Amino acid sequence: MDRLSLILVIIGAINWGLIALFQFDLVASIFGGQDALLSRIVYGLVGLAGLYCITLLFRERKKNIS
């Protein structure tokens, strides 16, 4: 679950970077516009993944004992 969420957050970050630099929404162009159902699903999943990744900030890391 952690990796999937992180991948979705990275996709969202790349998409926002493209919007900021080139005014190009990659998700919308792939899935048929911002109002298309598939685009809205991707945007929603990216948002949920971002919320889930907040939990990564507060987790204890396991120490490697060698």
PDB file of N, CA and C in Angstrom:
ATOM      1  N   MET A   1       0.823  -1.189   0.000  1.00  0.00           N
ATOM      2  CA  MET A   1       0.000   0.000   0.000  1.00  0.00           C
ATOM      3  C   MET A   1       0.871   1.258   0.000  1.00  0.00           C
ATOM      4  N   ASP A   2       1.988   1.201   0.735  1.00  0.00           N
ATOM      5  CA  ASP A   2       2.877   2.362   0.790  1.00  0.00           C
ATOM      6  C   ASP A   2       3.442   2.692  -0.588  1.00  0.00           C
ATOM      7  N   ARG A   3       3.906   1.677  -1.287  1.00  0.00           N
ATOM      8  CA  ARG A   3       4.497   1.911  -2.613  1.00  0.00           C
ATOM      9  C   ARG A   3       3.475   2.422  -3.612  1.00  0.00           C
ATOM     10  N   LEU A   4       2.297   1.837  -3.609  1.00  0.00           N
ATOM     11  CA  LEU A   4       1.250   2.278  -4.530  1.00  0.00           C
ATOM     12  C   LEU A   4       0.890   3.738  -4.270  1.00  0.00           C
ATOM     13  N   SER A   5       0.757   4.084  -3.008  1.00  0.00           N
ATOM     14  CA  SER A   5       0.448   5.476  -2.662  1.00  0.00           C
ATOM     15  C   SER A   5       1.567   6.400  -3.093  1.00  0.00           C
ATOM     16  N   LEU A   6       2.792   5.991  -2.864  1.00  0.00           N
ATOM     17  CA  LEU A   6       3.926   6.826  -3.250  1.00  0.00           C
ATOM     18  C   LEU A   6       3.996   6.999  -4.764  1.00  0.00           C
ATOM     19  N   ILE A   7       3.723   5.956  -5.514  1.00  0.00           N
ATOM     20  CA  ILE A   7       3.708   6.047  -6.979  1.00  0.00           C
ATOM     21  C   ILE A   7       2.641   7.039  -7.442  1.00  0.00           C
ATOM     22  N   LEU A   8       1.458   6.958  -6.855  1.00  0.00           N
ATOM     23  CA  LEU A   8       0.391   7.885  -7.230  1.00  0.00           C
ATOM     24  C   LEU A   8       0.733   9.326  -6.870  1.00  0.00           C
ATOM     25  N   VAL A   9       1.370   9.522  -5.724  1.00  0.00           N
ATOM     26  CA  VAL A   9       1.782  10.875  -5.341  1.00  0.00           C
ATOM     27  C   VAL A   9       2.838  11.405  -6.306  1.00  0.00           C
ATOM     28  N   ILE A  10       3.752  10.567  -6.736  1.00  0.00           N
ATOM     29  CA  ILE A  10       4.764  10.976  -7.712  1.00  0.00           C
ATOM     30  C   ILE A  10       4.109  11.350  -9.034  1.00  0.00           C
ATOM     31  N   ILE A  11       3.134  10.557  -9.466  1.00  0.00           N
ATOM     32  CA  ILE A  11       2.400  10.889 -10.702  1.00  0.00           C
ATOM     33  C   ILE A  11       1.730  12.245 -10.563  1.00  0.00           C
ATOM     34  N   GLY A  12       1.114  12.487  -9.419  1.00  0.00           N
ATOM     35  CA  GLY A  12       0.477  13.776  -9.177  1.00  0.00           C
ATOM     36  C   GLY A  12       1.477  14.924  -9.177  1.00  0.00           C
ATOM     37  N   ALA A  13       2.632  14.704  -8.582  1.00  0.00           N
ATOM     38  CA  ALA A  13       3.664  15.742  -8.538  1.00  0.00           C
ATOM     39  C   ALA A  13       4.188  16.062  -9.934  1.00  0.00           C
ATOM     40  N   ILE A  14       4.401  15.030 -10.733  1.00  0.00           N
ATOM     41  CA  ILE A  14       4.853  15.250 -12.111  1.00  0.00           C
ATOM     42  C   ILE A  14       3.782  16.004 -12.886  1.00  0.00           C
ATOM     43  N   ASN A  15       2.535  15.628 -12.705  1.00  0.00           N
ATOM     44  CA  ASN A  15       1.446  16.311 -13.406  1.00  0.00           C
ATOM     45  C   ASN A  15       1.376  17.783 -13.006  1.00  0.00           C
ATOM     46  N   TRP A  16       1.491  18.081 -11.709  1.00  0.00           N
ATOM     47  CA  TRP A  16       1.472  19.472 -11.266  1.00  0.00           C
ATOM     48  C   TRP A  16       2.676  20.240 -11.790  1.00  0.00           C
ATOM     49  N   GLY A  17       3.819  19.591 -11.861  1.00  0.00           N
ATOM     50  CA  GLY A  17       4.995  20.241 -12.432  1.00  0.00           C
ATOM     51  C   GLY A  17       4.789  20.598 -13.897  1.00  0.00           C
ATOM     52  N   LEU A  18       4.180  19.688 -14.650  1.00  0.00           N
ATOM     53  CA  LEU A  18       3.886  19.960 -16.057  1.00  0.00           C
ATOM     54  C   LEU A  18       2.882  21.093 -16.211  1.00  0.00           C
ATOM     55  N   ILE A  19       1.905  21.135 -15.319  1.00  0.00           N
ATOM     56  CA  ILE A  19       0.922  22.220 -15.360  1.00  0.00           C
ATOM     57  C   ILE A  19       1.609  23.556 -15.080  1.00  0.00           C
ATOM     58  N   ALA A  20       2.477  23.586 -14.088  1.00  0.00           N
ATOM     59  CA  ALA A  20       3.144  24.829 -13.707  1.00  0.00           C
ATOM     60  C   ALA A  20       4.106  25.312 -14.789  1.00  0.00           C
ATOM     61  N   LEU A  21       4.861  24.394 -15.368  1.00  0.00           N
ATOM     62  CA  LEU A  21       5.898  24.794 -16.330  1.00  0.00           C
ATOM     63  C   LEU A  21       5.375  25.015 -17.736  1.00  0.00           C
ATOM     64  N   PHE A  22       4.445  24.153 -18.162  1.00  0.00           N
ATOM     65  CA  PHE A  22       4.039  24.161 -19.567  1.00  0.00           C
ATOM     66  C   PHE A  22       2.536  24.326 -19.782  1.00  0.00           C
ATOM     67  N   GLN A  23       1.776  24.505 -18.694  1.00  0.00           N
ATOM     68  CA  GLN A  23       0.318  24.562 -18.760  1.00  0.00           C
ATOM     69  C   GLN A  23      -0.238  23.348 -19.514  1.00  0.00           C
ATOM     70  N   PHE A  24       0.305  22.184 -19.191  1.00  0.00           N
ATOM     71  CA  PHE A  24      -0.080  20.928 -19.837  1.00  0.00           C
ATOM     72  C   PHE A  24      -0.496  19.933 -18.771  1.00  0.00           C
ATOM     73  N   ASP A  25      -1.740  19.514 -18.802  1.00  0.00           N
ATOM     74  CA  ASP A  25      -2.274  18.540 -17.853  1.00  0.00           C
ATOM     75  C   ASP A  25      -2.199  17.160 -18.500  1.00  0.00           C
ATOM     76  N   LEU A  26      -1.199  16.388 -18.114  1.00  0.00           N
ATOM     77  CA  LEU A  26      -0.964  15.071 -18.705  1.00  0.00           C
ATOM     78  C   LEU A  26      -2.123  14.115 -18.446  1.00  0.00           C
ATOM     79  N   VAL A  27      -2.642  14.106 -17.222  1.00  0.00           N
ATOM     80  CA  VAL A  27      -3.751  13.211 -16.880  1.00  0.00           C
ATOM     81  C   VAL A  27      -4.968  13.524 -17.745  1.00  0.00           C
ATOM     82  N   ALA A  28      -5.287  14.801 -17.865  1.00  0.00           N
ATOM     83  CA  ALA A  28      -6.443  15.193 -18.673  1.00  0.00           C
ATOM     84  C   ALA A  28      -6.240  14.841 -20.137  1.00  0.00           C
ATOM     85  N   SER A  29      -5.030  15.005 -20.633  1.00  0.00           N
ATOM     86  CA  SER A  29      -4.802  14.706 -22.050  1.00  0.00           C
ATOM     87  C   SER A  29      -4.854  13.202 -22.327  1.00  0.00           C
ATOM     88  N   ILE A  30      -4.444  12.398 -21.381  1.00  0.00           N
ATOM     89  CA  ILE A  30      -4.478  10.939 -21.567  1.00  0.00           C
ATOM     90  C   ILE A  30      -5.899  10.398 -21.453  1.00  0.00           C
ATOM     91  N   PHE A  31      -6.664  10.921 -20.487  1.00  0.00           N
ATOM     92  CA  PHE A  31      -7.964  10.339 -20.175  1.00  0.00           C
ATOM     93  C   PHE A  31      -9.155  11.139 -20.685  1.00  0.00           C
ATOM     94  N   GLY A  32      -8.927  12.128 -21.537  1.00  0.00           N
ATOM     95  CA  GLY A  32     -10.053  12.780 -22.205  1.00  0.00           C
ATOM     96  C   GLY A  32     -10.562  14.065 -21.592  1.00  0.00           C
ATOM     97  N   GLY A  33      -9.725  14.822 -20.933  1.00  0.00           N
ATOM     98  CA  GLY A  33     -10.143  16.107 -20.371  1.00  0.00           C
ATOM     99  C   GLY A  33     -10.338  16.042 -18.874  1.00  0.00           C
ATOM    100  N   GLN A  34     -10.347  17.210 -18.245  1.00  0.00           N
ATOM    101  CA  GLN A  34     -10.467  17.270 -16.791  1.00  0.00           C
ATOM    102  C   GLN A  34     -11.816  16.779 -16.289  1.00  0.00           C
ATOM    103  N   ASP A  35     -12.853  16.910 -17.088  1.00  0.00           N
ATOM    104  CA  ASP A  35     -14.188  16.506 -16.651  1.00  0.00           C
ATOM    105  C   ASP A  35     -14.513  15.050 -16.952  1.00  0.00           C
ATOM    106  N   ALA A  36     -13.615  14.355 -17.645  1.00  0.00           N
ATOM    107  CA  ALA A  36     -13.854  12.953 -17.985  1.00  0.00           C
ATOM    108  C   ALA A  36     -13.829  12.093 -16.716  1.00  0.00           C
ATOM    109  N   LEU A  37     -14.643  11.078 -16.695  1.00  0.00           N
ATOM    110  CA  LEU A  37     -14.756  10.212 -15.527  1.00  0.00           C
ATOM    111  C   LEU A  37     -13.407   9.597 -15.140  1.00  0.00           C
ATOM    112  N   LEU A  38     -12.648   9.103 -16.118  1.00  0.00           N
ATOM    113  CA  LEU A  38     -11.366   8.476 -15.802  1.00  0.00           C
ATOM    114  C   LEU A  38     -10.381   9.480 -15.212  1.00  0.00           C
ATOM    115  N   SER A  39     -10.378  10.699 -15.737  1.00  0.00           N
ATOM    116  CA  SER A  39      -9.495  11.737 -15.173  1.00  0.00           C
ATOM    117  C   SER A  39      -9.869  12.027 -13.735  1.00  0.00           C
ATOM    118  N   ARG A  40     -11.141  12.144 -13.475  1.00  0.00           N
ATOM    119  CA  ARG A  40     -11.592  12.437 -12.109  1.00  0.00           C
ATOM    120  C   ARG A  40     -11.247  11.296 -11.162  1.00  0.00           C
ATOM    121  N   ILE A  41     -11.299  10.060 -11.654  1.00  0.00           N
ATOM    122  CA  ILE A  41     -10.907   8.913 -10.826  1.00  0.00           C
ATOM    123  C   ILE A  41      -9.417   8.990 -10.501  1.00  0.00           C
ATOM    124  N   VAL A  42      -8.596   9.297 -11.510  1.00  0.00           N
ATOM    125  CA  VAL A  42      -7.152   9.411 -11.278  1.00  0.00           C
ATOM    126  C   VAL A  42      -6.869  10.541 -10.299  1.00  0.00           C
ATOM    127  N   TYR A  43      -7.500  11.706 -10.492  1.00  0.00           N
ATOM    128  CA  TYR A  43      -7.299  12.821  -9.564  1.00  0.00           C
ATOM    129  C   TYR A  43      -7.701  12.420  -8.147  1.00  0.00           C
ATOM    130  N   GLY A  44      -8.798  11.711  -8.015  1.00  0.00           N
ATOM    131  CA  GLY A  44      -9.256  11.269  -6.702  1.00  0.00           C
ATOM    132  C   GLY A  44      -8.295  10.293  -6.051  1.00  0.00           C
ATOM    133  N   LEU A  45      -7.793   9.338  -6.840  1.00  0.00           N
ATOM    134  CA  LEU A  45      -6.826   8.374  -6.306  1.00  0.00           C
ATOM    135  C   LEU A  45      -5.537   9.053  -5.868  1.00  0.00           C
ATOM    136  N   VAL A  46      -5.079  10.024  -6.658  1.00  0.00           N
ATOM    137  CA  VAL A  46      -3.867  10.767  -6.292  1.00  0.00           C
ATOM    138  C   VAL A  46      -4.098  11.530  -4.987  1.00  0.00           C
ATOM    139  N   GLY A  47      -5.268  12.144  -4.847  1.00  0.00           N
ATOM    140  CA  GLY A  47      -5.587  12.857  -3.614  1.00  0.00           C
ATOM    141  C   GLY A  47      -5.637  11.937  -2.403  1.00  0.00           C
ATOM    142  N   LEU A  48      -6.273  10.790  -2.562  1.00  0.00           N
ATOM    143  CA  LEU A  48      -6.329   9.819  -1.460  1.00  0.00           C
ATOM    144  C   LEU A  48      -4.941   9.292  -1.112  1.00  0.00           C
ATOM    145  N   ALA A  49      -4.127   9.071  -2.134  1.00  0.00           N
ATOM    146  CA  ALA A  49      -2.761   8.599  -1.899  1.00  0.00           C
ATOM    147  C   ALA A  49      -1.962   9.648  -1.130  1.00  0.00           C
ATOM    148  N   GLY A  50      -2.171  10.918  -1.463  1.00  0.00           N
ATOM    149  CA  GLY A  50      -1.491  11.982  -0.738  1.00  0.00           C
ATOM    150  C   GLY A  50      -1.881  11.999   0.730  1.00  0.00           C
ATOM    151  N   LEU A  51      -3.172  11.828   0.994  1.00  0.00           N
ATOM    152  CA  LEU A  51      -3.625  11.774   2.382  1.00  0.00           C
ATOM    153  C   LEU A  51      -3.034  10.568   3.108  1.00  0.00           C
ATOM    154  N   TYR A  52      -2.973   9.436   2.432  1.00  0.00           N
ATOM    155  CA  TYR A  52      -2.402   8.233   3.038  1.00  0.00           C
ATOM    156  C   TYR A  52      -0.913   8.439   3.336  1.00  0.00           C
ATOM    157  N   CYS A  53      -0.207   9.118   2.445  1.00  0.00           N
ATOM    158  CA  CYS A  53       1.237   9.321   2.625  1.00  0.00           C
ATOM    159  C   CYS A  53       1.557  10.211   3.818  1.00  0.00           C
ATOM    160  N   ILE A  54       0.583  10.965   4.296  1.00  0.00           N
ATOM    161  CA  ILE A  54       0.808  11.746   5.515  1.00  0.00           C
ATOM    162  C   ILE A  54       1.169  10.815   6.669  1.00  0.00           C
ATOM    163  N   THR A  55       0.602   9.617   6.670  1.00  0.00           N
ATOM    164  CA  THR A  55       0.898   8.671   7.751  1.00  0.00           C
ATOM    165  C   THR A  55       2.358   8.239   7.736  1.00  0.00           C
ATOM    166  N   LEU A  56       3.007   8.310   6.579  1.00  0.00           N
ATOM    167  CA  LEU A  56       4.412   7.922   6.496  1.00  0.00           C
ATOM    168  C   LEU A  56       5.297   8.851   7.318  1.00  0.00           C
ATOM    169  N   LEU A  57       4.865  10.084   7.504  1.00  0.00           N
ATOM    170  CA  LEU A  57       5.647  11.041   8.278  1.00  0.00           C
ATOM    171  C   LEU A  57       5.717  10.677   9.758  1.00  0.00           C
ATOM    172  N   PHE A  58       4.722   9.972  10.246  1.00  0.00           N
ATOM    173  CA  PHE A  58       4.613   9.723  11.671  1.00  0.00           C
ATOM    174  C   PHE A  58       4.934   8.289  12.066  1.00  0.00           C
ATOM    175  N   ARG A  59       5.386   7.495  11.136  1.00  0.00           N
ATOM    176  CA  ARG A  59       5.724   6.104  11.450  1.00  0.00           C
ATOM    177  C   ARG A  59       7.117   5.996  12.021  1.00  0.00           C
ATOM    178  N   GLU A  60       7.275   5.038  12.896  1.00  0.00           N
ATOM    179  CA  GLU A  60       8.586   4.733  13.456  1.00  0.00           C
ATOM    180  C   GLU A  60       9.375   3.932  12.422  1.00  0.00           C
ATOM    181  N   ARG A  61      10.630   4.252  12.289  1.00  0.00           N
ATOM    182  CA  ARG A  61      11.478   3.467  11.380  1.00  0.00           C
ATOM    183  C   ARG A  61      12.124   2.335  12.164  1.00  0.00           C
ATOM    184  N   LYS A  62      12.233   1.190  11.512  1.00  0.00           N
ATOM    185  CA  LYS A  62      12.905   0.057  12.132  1.00  0.00           C
ATOM    186  C   LYS A  62      14.405   0.245  11.991  1.00  0.00           C
ATOM    187  N   LYS A  63      15.122  -0.004  13.076  1.00  0.00           N
ATOM    188  CA  LYS A  63      16.577   0.126  13.031  1.00  0.00           C
ATOM    189  C   LYS A  63      17.172  -1.216  12.609  1.00  0.00           C
ATOM    190  N   ASN A  64      18.138  -1.160  11.704  1.00  0.00           N
ATOM    191  CA  ASN A  64      18.851  -2.365  11.280  1.00  0.00           C
ATOM    192  C   ASN A  64      19.945  -2.671  12.291  1.00  0.00           C
ATOM    193  N   ILE A  65      19.904  -3.867  12.817  1.00  0.00           N
ATOM    194  CA  ILE A  65      20.932  -4.303  13.748  1.00  0.00           C
ATOM    195  C   ILE A  65      21.836  -5.283  13.016  1.00  0.00           C
ATOM    196  N   SER A  66      23.103  -4.910  12.921  1.00  0.00           N
ATOM    197  CA  SER A  66      24.033  -5.811  12.211  1.00  0.00           C
ATOM    198  C   SER A  66      25.208  -6.186  13.052  1.00  0.00           C
TER     199      SER A  66
END
